[in-house]
Amino acid sequence: MNLLIGIAEQDKNPIIIYDGVCNLCNFWIKFISKRDSKELFRYSQFQSEYSRRLIQQYKIDTDLPSSVILIVSDKIFLRSSAVIEIFQLLKFPYSILGIFKYIPRKIRDLFYDLISNHRYKWFGRSTHCVIPNEGIKSHLIENPTE
């Protein structure tokens, strides 16, 4: 049995795949983790083998570091749709940010891409994947392979 499928079947929690060297991405993962009172989310950095296998398994066509990916029950959410879905899964008041899903995806993704394409310039980049704090570390699926 494929190890990846075995893990995915065992863990039905939503998985957030994010760029582990991006300072903005790491900030948001910490932000989400602090507000995830149900401990719903699992996290995996793009730089990990687990994320690479998930991306390959789900045939996700994306420039890896440019998009956050959310996998919920075999549904794939990318870019602004992933961000909105993450907020909807959090408790009130964050869940009300789901209202942004009514803005056309093309418009939302224009803003998402603007930030994503400049995130290293504006927010900085680590030379290696950031070791998450204990709250996140316990929900991290796999450490990156660098």
N, C-alpha and C. Protein backbone atom coordinates (compact mmCIF):
# COMPACT_ATOMS: atom_id res chain seq x y z
N MET A 1 0.84 -1.18 0.00
CA MET A 1 0.00 0.00 0.00
C MET A 1 0.89 1.24 0.00
N ASN A 2 0.51 2.22 -0.76
CA ASN A 2 1.23 3.48 -0.85
C ASN A 2 1.19 4.17 0.50
N LEU A 3 2.36 4.55 1.02
CA LEU A 3 2.44 5.20 2.33
C LEU A 3 1.62 6.48 2.36
N LEU A 4 1.66 7.25 1.29
CA LEU A 4 0.92 8.51 1.23
C LEU A 4 -0.57 8.28 1.38
N ILE A 5 -1.11 7.34 0.65
CA ILE A 5 -2.55 7.06 0.74
C ILE A 5 -2.89 6.57 2.13
N GLY A 6 -2.03 5.74 2.71
CA GLY A 6 -2.26 5.25 4.06
C GLY A 6 -2.36 6.38 5.07
N ILE A 7 -1.49 7.36 4.96
CA ILE A 7 -1.52 8.51 5.87
C ILE A 7 -2.76 9.34 5.61
N ALA A 8 -3.06 9.61 4.35
CA ALA A 8 -4.21 10.45 4.00
C ALA A 8 -5.51 9.82 4.48
N GLU A 9 -5.62 8.50 4.39
CA GLU A 9 -6.84 7.82 4.83
C GLU A 9 -6.98 7.88 6.35
N GLN A 10 -5.85 7.82 7.06
CA GLN A 10 -5.90 7.83 8.52
C GLN A 10 -6.21 9.21 9.07
N ASP A 11 -5.74 10.24 8.40
CA ASP A 11 -5.90 11.60 8.90
C ASP A 11 -6.89 12.35 8.03
N LYS A 12 -8.13 12.46 8.48
CA LYS A 12 -9.19 13.12 7.71
C LYS A 12 -9.19 14.63 7.91
N ASN A 13 -8.24 15.14 8.69
CA ASN A 13 -8.19 16.57 8.93
C ASN A 13 -7.77 17.33 7.68
N PRO A 14 -8.24 18.57 7.55
CA PRO A 14 -7.78 19.40 6.43
C PRO A 14 -6.26 19.60 6.51
N ILE A 15 -5.62 19.55 5.38
CA ILE A 15 -4.16 19.70 5.30
C ILE A 15 -3.86 21.00 4.57
N ILE A 16 -3.06 21.85 5.20
CA ILE A 16 -2.60 23.09 4.59
C ILE A 16 -1.16 22.87 4.15
N ILE A 17 -0.91 23.03 2.86
CA ILE A 17 0.44 22.96 2.34
C ILE A 17 0.90 24.40 2.09
N TYR A 18 2.04 24.76 2.68
CA TYR A 18 2.51 26.14 2.61
C TYR A 18 4.02 26.18 2.40
N ASP A 19 4.51 27.36 2.03
CA ASP A 19 5.93 27.57 1.77
C ASP A 19 6.66 27.78 3.09
N GLY A 20 7.48 26.83 3.49
CA GLY A 20 8.17 26.86 4.78
C GLY A 20 9.29 27.88 4.89
N VAL A 21 9.72 28.48 3.78
CA VAL A 21 10.77 29.50 3.85
C VAL A 21 10.22 30.91 3.74
N CYS A 22 8.92 31.03 3.53
CA CYS A 22 8.27 32.33 3.37
C CYS A 22 7.87 32.88 4.75
N ASN A 23 8.37 34.06 5.09
CA ASN A 23 8.05 34.65 6.39
C ASN A 23 6.55 34.95 6.52
N LEU A 24 5.93 35.44 5.46
CA LEU A 24 4.49 35.71 5.49
C LEU A 24 3.70 34.42 5.71
N CYS A 25 4.07 33.37 4.99
CA CYS A 25 3.38 32.08 5.12
C CYS A 25 3.50 31.53 6.54
N ASN A 26 4.70 31.61 7.10
CA ASN A 26 4.91 31.13 8.47
C ASN A 26 4.12 31.95 9.48
N PHE A 27 4.02 33.27 9.25
CA PHE A 27 3.20 34.11 10.11
C PHE A 27 1.75 33.64 10.08
N TRP A 28 1.21 33.39 8.89
CA TRP A 28 -0.20 32.99 8.77
C TRP A 28 -0.45 31.61 9.36
N ILE A 29 0.51 30.70 9.24
CA ILE A 29 0.33 29.38 9.84
C ILE A 29 0.27 29.52 11.36
N LYS A 30 1.12 30.37 11.92
CA LYS A 30 1.06 30.62 13.38
C LYS A 30 -0.28 31.25 13.75
N PHE A 31 -0.74 32.20 12.95
CA PHE A 31 -2.01 32.87 13.19
C PHE A 31 -3.15 31.86 13.19
N ILE A 32 -3.18 30.99 12.19
CA ILE A 32 -4.24 29.98 12.07
C ILE A 32 -4.16 29.01 13.25
N SER A 33 -2.97 28.55 13.57
CA SER A 33 -2.78 27.58 14.63
C SER A 33 -3.31 28.11 15.98
N LYS A 34 -3.06 29.39 16.26
CA LYS A 34 -3.53 29.97 17.53
C LYS A 34 -5.04 30.07 17.59
N ARG A 35 -5.69 30.13 16.45
CA ARG A 35 -7.15 30.28 16.41
C ARG A 35 -7.88 28.98 16.09
N ASP A 36 -7.12 27.93 15.90
CA ASP A 36 -7.68 26.62 15.58
C ASP A 36 -7.95 25.86 16.88
N SER A 37 -8.96 26.30 17.62
CA SER A 37 -9.24 25.72 18.94
C SER A 37 -9.64 24.25 18.87
N LYS A 38 -10.16 23.82 17.74
CA LYS A 38 -10.55 22.42 17.57
C LYS A 38 -9.38 21.54 17.14
N GLU A 39 -8.22 22.18 16.91
CA GLU A 39 -7.03 21.48 16.40
C GLU A 39 -7.38 20.69 15.15
N LEU A 40 -8.06 21.35 14.25
CA LEU A 40 -8.57 20.75 13.03
C LEU A 40 -7.51 20.56 11.96
N PHE A 41 -6.67 21.56 11.78
CA PHE A 41 -5.74 21.57 10.65
C PHE A 41 -4.46 20.77 10.90
N ARG A 42 -3.94 20.23 9.82
CA ARG A 42 -2.60 19.64 9.77
C ARG A 42 -1.82 20.48 8.77
N TYR A 43 -0.51 20.56 8.97
CA TYR A 43 0.32 21.43 8.14
C TYR A 43 1.45 20.63 7.51
N SER A 44 1.78 21.00 6.29
CA SER A 44 2.91 20.39 5.60
C SER A 44 3.58 21.45 4.74
N GLN A 45 4.88 21.54 4.86
CA GLN A 45 5.62 22.53 4.08
C GLN A 45 5.87 22.01 2.67
N PHE A 46 5.81 22.93 1.69
CA PHE A 46 6.07 22.56 0.30
C PHE A 46 7.37 21.78 0.17
N GLN A 47 8.32 22.09 1.02
CA GLN A 47 9.65 21.52 0.91
C GLN A 47 9.72 20.08 1.42
N SER A 48 8.64 19.53 1.89
CA SER A 48 8.67 18.16 2.41
C SER A 48 8.31 17.16 1.31
N GLU A 49 8.79 15.97 1.49
CA GLU A 49 8.48 14.89 0.54
C GLU A 49 6.98 14.58 0.58
N TYR A 50 6.38 14.65 1.74
CA TYR A 50 4.95 14.38 1.87
C TYR A 50 4.15 15.33 0.98
N SER A 51 4.47 16.63 1.04
CA SER A 51 3.76 17.60 0.19
C SER A 51 3.98 17.31 -1.28
N ARG A 52 5.19 17.01 -1.65
CA ARG A 52 5.47 16.70 -3.06
C ARG A 52 4.64 15.51 -3.54
N ARG A 53 4.53 14.52 -2.69
CA ARG A 53 3.73 13.34 -3.07
C ARG A 53 2.24 13.67 -3.16
N LEU A 54 1.75 14.47 -2.22
CA LEU A 54 0.34 14.88 -2.28
C LEU A 54 0.06 15.67 -3.56
N ILE A 55 0.94 16.58 -3.89
CA ILE A 55 0.78 17.40 -5.10
C ILE A 55 0.78 16.51 -6.33
N GLN A 56 1.66 15.54 -6.33
CA GLN A 56 1.71 14.60 -7.46
C GLN A 56 0.46 13.71 -7.48
N GLN A 57 0.06 13.18 -6.34
CA GLN A 57 -1.11 12.30 -6.26
C GLN A 57 -2.38 13.00 -6.76
N TYR A 58 -2.56 14.25 -6.33
CA TYR A 58 -3.76 14.99 -6.70
C TYR A 58 -3.61 15.74 -8.03
N LYS A 59 -2.44 15.57 -8.66
CA LYS A 59 -2.16 16.20 -9.96
C LYS A 59 -2.44 17.70 -9.91
N ILE A 60 -1.92 18.32 -8.88
CA ILE A 60 -2.11 19.76 -8.71
C ILE A 60 -1.13 20.48 -9.62
N ASP A 61 -1.67 21.26 -10.53
CA ASP A 61 -0.87 22.00 -11.48
C ASP A 61 -0.63 23.39 -10.93
N THR A 62 0.47 23.55 -10.24
CA THR A 62 0.76 24.84 -9.62
C THR A 62 2.26 25.04 -9.52
N ASP A 63 2.65 26.29 -9.54
CA ASP A 63 4.02 26.66 -9.23
C ASP A 63 4.12 26.57 -7.71
N LEU A 64 4.76 25.53 -7.20
CA LEU A 64 4.69 25.19 -5.79
C LEU A 64 4.75 26.35 -4.80
N PRO A 65 5.78 27.17 -4.82
CA PRO A 65 5.83 28.18 -3.77
C PRO A 65 4.85 29.34 -3.94
N SER A 66 4.11 29.40 -5.04
CA SER A 66 3.26 30.56 -5.26
C SER A 66 1.84 30.38 -4.75
N SER A 67 1.50 29.22 -4.24
CA SER A 67 0.12 29.01 -3.83
C SER A 67 0.05 28.21 -2.54
N VAL A 68 -0.85 28.65 -1.67
CA VAL A 68 -1.18 27.81 -0.53
C VAL A 68 -2.17 26.78 -1.06
N ILE A 69 -2.07 25.58 -0.56
CA ILE A 69 -2.96 24.50 -1.00
C ILE A 69 -3.68 23.98 0.24
N LEU A 70 -4.98 23.80 0.11
CA LEU A 70 -5.77 23.21 1.18
C LEU A 70 -6.43 21.96 0.62
N ILE A 71 -6.27 20.86 1.33
CA ILE A 71 -6.92 19.61 0.95
C ILE A 71 -7.91 19.25 2.05
N VAL A 72 -9.18 19.17 1.67
CA VAL A 72 -10.26 18.83 2.61
C VAL A 72 -11.07 17.72 1.98
N SER A 73 -11.03 16.54 2.58
CA SER A 73 -11.81 15.40 2.09
C SER A 73 -11.66 15.22 0.58
N ASP A 74 -10.43 15.19 0.12
CA ASP A 74 -10.09 14.99 -1.30
C ASP A 74 -10.51 16.15 -2.20
N LYS A 75 -10.95 17.26 -1.63
CA LYS A 75 -11.20 18.48 -2.41
C LYS A 75 -9.96 19.34 -2.32
N ILE A 76 -9.59 19.94 -3.43
CA ILE A 76 -8.40 20.78 -3.49
C ILE A 76 -8.81 22.24 -3.62
N PHE A 77 -8.25 23.09 -2.77
CA PHE A 77 -8.47 24.53 -2.84
C PHE A 77 -7.11 25.20 -3.03
N LEU A 78 -7.04 26.12 -3.99
CA LEU A 78 -5.80 26.82 -4.27
C LEU A 78 -5.98 28.32 -4.11
N ARG A 79 -4.86 29.00 -3.84
CA ARG A 79 -4.79 30.45 -3.82
C ARG A 79 -5.86 31.07 -2.93
N SER A 80 -6.60 32.04 -3.44
CA SER A 80 -7.57 32.75 -2.60
C SER A 80 -8.68 31.83 -2.10
N SER A 81 -9.02 30.83 -2.89
CA SER A 81 -10.07 29.88 -2.46
C SER A 81 -9.61 29.09 -1.24
N ALA A 82 -8.32 28.76 -1.18
CA ALA A 82 -7.78 28.05 -0.02
C ALA A 82 -7.84 28.93 1.22
N VAL A 83 -7.46 30.19 1.07
CA VAL A 83 -7.47 31.12 2.20
C VAL A 83 -8.89 31.29 2.74
N ILE A 84 -9.83 31.49 1.84
CA ILE A 84 -11.23 31.68 2.27
C ILE A 84 -11.75 30.43 2.96
N GLU A 85 -11.47 29.27 2.42
CA GLU A 85 -11.94 28.02 3.02
C GLU A 85 -11.32 27.81 4.41
N ILE A 86 -10.05 28.15 4.56
CA ILE A 86 -9.39 28.03 5.86
C ILE A 86 -10.12 28.89 6.89
N PHE A 87 -10.41 30.15 6.52
CA PHE A 87 -11.11 31.03 7.46
C PHE A 87 -12.51 30.53 7.76
N GLN A 88 -13.18 29.97 6.78
CA GLN A 88 -14.53 29.43 7.03
C GLN A 88 -14.50 28.27 8.01
N LEU A 89 -13.41 27.53 8.05
CA LEU A 89 -13.30 26.39 8.96
C LEU A 89 -12.94 26.81 10.39
N LEU A 90 -12.48 28.05 10.55
CA LEU A 90 -12.19 28.57 11.89
C LEU A 90 -13.49 29.06 12.53
N LYS A 91 -13.45 29.25 13.83
CA LYS A 91 -14.63 29.74 14.55
C LYS A 91 -14.85 31.22 14.28
N PHE A 92 -16.05 31.66 14.61
CA PHE A 92 -16.41 33.07 14.55
C PHE A 92 -15.40 33.87 15.38
N PRO A 93 -14.95 34.99 14.99
CA PRO A 93 -15.40 35.86 13.91
C PRO A 93 -14.70 35.60 12.57
N TYR A 94 -13.69 34.73 12.57
CA TYR A 94 -12.90 34.51 11.35
C TYR A 94 -13.72 33.86 10.26
N SER A 95 -14.68 33.04 10.64
CA SER A 95 -15.50 32.33 9.66
C SER A 95 -16.31 33.28 8.78
N ILE A 96 -16.59 34.49 9.27
CA ILE A 96 -17.37 35.42 8.45
C ILE A 96 -16.59 35.92 7.23
N LEU A 97 -15.28 35.72 7.23
CA LEU A 97 -14.48 36.11 6.07
C LEU A 97 -14.81 35.26 4.85
N GLY A 98 -15.58 34.21 5.07
CA GLY A 98 -16.07 33.39 3.96
C GLY A 98 -16.92 34.18 2.98
N ILE A 99 -17.38 35.33 3.39
CA ILE A 99 -18.20 36.16 2.51
C ILE A 99 -17.41 36.56 1.24
N PHE A 100 -16.09 36.54 1.33
CA PHE A 100 -15.26 36.90 0.18
C PHE A 100 -15.37 35.89 -0.96
N LYS A 101 -15.93 34.73 -0.69
CA LYS A 101 -16.10 33.74 -1.76
C LYS A 101 -17.09 34.23 -2.82
N TYR A 102 -17.88 35.24 -2.48
CA TYR A 102 -18.85 35.77 -3.44
C TYR A 102 -18.22 36.78 -4.41
N ILE A 103 -16.98 37.15 -4.14
CA ILE A 103 -16.23 37.95 -5.11
C ILE A 103 -15.71 36.95 -6.16
N PRO A 104 -15.83 37.27 -7.43
CA PRO A 104 -15.35 36.32 -8.46
C PRO A 104 -13.90 35.89 -8.22
N ARG A 105 -13.66 34.60 -8.38
CA ARG A 105 -12.34 34.01 -8.11
C ARG A 105 -11.24 34.72 -8.89
N LYS A 106 -11.48 35.08 -10.13
CA LYS A 106 -10.44 35.74 -10.92
C LYS A 106 -9.99 37.05 -10.28
N ILE A 107 -10.93 37.78 -9.73
CA ILE A 107 -10.60 39.05 -9.05
C ILE A 107 -9.84 38.77 -7.76
N ARG A 108 -10.36 37.81 -6.96
CA ARG A 108 -9.67 37.45 -5.70
C ARG A 108 -8.25 37.00 -5.97
N ASP A 109 -8.09 36.16 -7.00
CA ASP A 109 -6.76 35.62 -7.30
C ASP A 109 -5.80 36.67 -7.83
N LEU A 110 -6.30 37.74 -8.44
CA LEU A 110 -5.42 38.84 -8.85
C LEU A 110 -4.74 39.44 -7.62
N PHE A 111 -5.51 39.68 -6.56
CA PHE A 111 -4.95 40.22 -5.33
C PHE A 111 -4.05 39.20 -4.65
N TYR A 112 -4.49 37.95 -4.63
CA TYR A 112 -3.68 36.88 -4.04
C TYR A 112 -2.32 36.81 -4.75
N ASP A 113 -2.35 36.81 -6.09
CA ASP A 113 -1.12 36.69 -6.87
C ASP A 113 -0.19 37.89 -6.68
N LEU A 114 -0.76 39.07 -6.54
CA LEU A 114 0.04 40.26 -6.30
C LEU A 114 0.87 40.09 -5.03
N ILE A 115 0.22 39.66 -3.96
CA ILE A 115 0.91 39.44 -2.69
C ILE A 115 1.88 38.27 -2.81
N SER A 116 1.41 37.18 -3.40
CA SER A 116 2.23 35.98 -3.51
C SER A 116 3.51 36.23 -4.31
N ASN A 117 3.39 36.96 -5.40
CA ASN A 117 4.54 37.21 -6.26
C ASN A 117 5.56 38.17 -5.64
N HIS A 118 5.17 38.90 -4.62
CA HIS A 118 6.08 39.85 -3.98
C HIS A 118 6.36 39.51 -2.52
N ARG A 119 5.92 38.36 -2.05
CA ARG A 119 5.98 38.05 -0.63
C ARG A 119 7.41 37.99 -0.09
N TYR A 120 8.36 37.47 -0.86
CA TYR A 120 9.74 37.43 -0.37
C TYR A 120 10.32 38.84 -0.29
N LYS A 121 10.02 39.66 -1.27
CA LYS A 121 10.52 41.04 -1.30
C LYS A 121 9.93 41.86 -0.16
N TRP A 122 8.64 41.72 0.08
CA TRP A 122 7.95 42.53 1.09
C TRP A 122 8.11 42.00 2.51
N PHE A 123 8.12 40.68 2.68
CA PHE A 123 8.10 40.10 4.02
C PHE A 123 9.35 39.30 4.37
N GLY A 124 10.19 39.04 3.39
CA GLY A 124 11.43 38.32 3.63
C GLY A 124 11.29 36.81 3.44
N ARG A 125 12.45 36.19 3.46
CA ARG A 125 12.53 34.75 3.22
C ARG A 125 13.62 34.18 4.12
N SER A 126 13.37 33.02 4.67
CA SER A 126 14.37 32.33 5.47
C SER A 126 15.28 31.54 4.55
N THR A 127 16.48 31.27 5.00
CA THR A 127 17.41 30.48 4.19
C THR A 127 17.09 28.99 4.28
N HIS A 128 16.27 28.62 5.24
CA HIS A 128 15.87 27.22 5.42
C HIS A 128 14.45 27.20 5.99
N CYS A 129 13.82 26.06 5.97
CA CYS A 129 12.46 25.96 6.50
C CYS A 129 12.47 26.26 7.99
N VAL A 130 11.54 27.09 8.40
CA VAL A 130 11.43 27.50 9.79
C VAL A 130 10.93 26.32 10.62
N ILE A 131 11.56 26.11 11.75
CA ILE A 131 11.09 25.08 12.68
C ILE A 131 9.89 25.67 13.41
N PRO A 132 8.74 25.07 13.27
CA PRO A 132 7.53 25.63 13.88
C PRO A 132 7.56 25.53 15.40
N ASN A 133 6.73 26.37 16.04
CA ASN A 133 6.62 26.30 17.49
C ASN A 133 5.89 25.01 17.88
N GLU A 134 5.87 24.69 19.15
CA GLU A 134 5.30 23.42 19.61
C GLU A 134 3.84 23.25 19.23
N GLY A 135 3.06 24.33 19.25
CA GLY A 135 1.65 24.24 18.88
C GLY A 135 1.45 23.77 17.45
N ILE A 136 2.33 24.21 16.58
CA ILE A 136 2.24 23.82 15.17
C ILE A 136 2.95 22.50 14.93
N LYS A 137 4.09 22.34 15.60
CA LYS A 137 4.92 21.15 15.38
C LYS A 137 4.13 19.85 15.60
N SER A 138 3.24 19.85 16.57
CA SER A 138 2.46 18.64 16.85
C SER A 138 1.45 18.35 15.73
N HIS A 139 1.19 19.34 14.87
CA HIS A 139 0.25 19.16 13.77
C HIS A 139 0.95 19.15 12.41
N LEU A 140 2.28 19.22 12.43
CA LEU A 140 3.07 19.18 11.21
C LEU A 140 3.18 17.73 10.76
N ILE A 141 2.81 17.48 9.54
CA ILE A 141 2.78 16.09 9.05
C ILE A 141 4.18 15.54 8.85
N GLU A 142 5.07 16.32 8.24
CA GLU A 142 6.41 15.84 7.99
C GLU A 142 7.35 17.03 7.94
N ASN A 143 8.53 16.86 8.53
CA ASN A 143 9.53 17.91 8.42
C ASN A 143 10.06 17.94 7.00
N PRO A 144 10.49 19.12 6.55
CA PRO A 144 10.99 19.23 5.19
C PRO A 144 12.28 18.45 4.97
N THR A 145 12.50 18.06 3.73
CA THR A 145 13.75 17.39 3.36
C THR A 145 14.58 18.39 2.57
N GLU A 146 15.62 18.89 3.18
CA GLU A 146 16.48 19.85 2.49
C GLU A 146 17.90 19.37 2.52
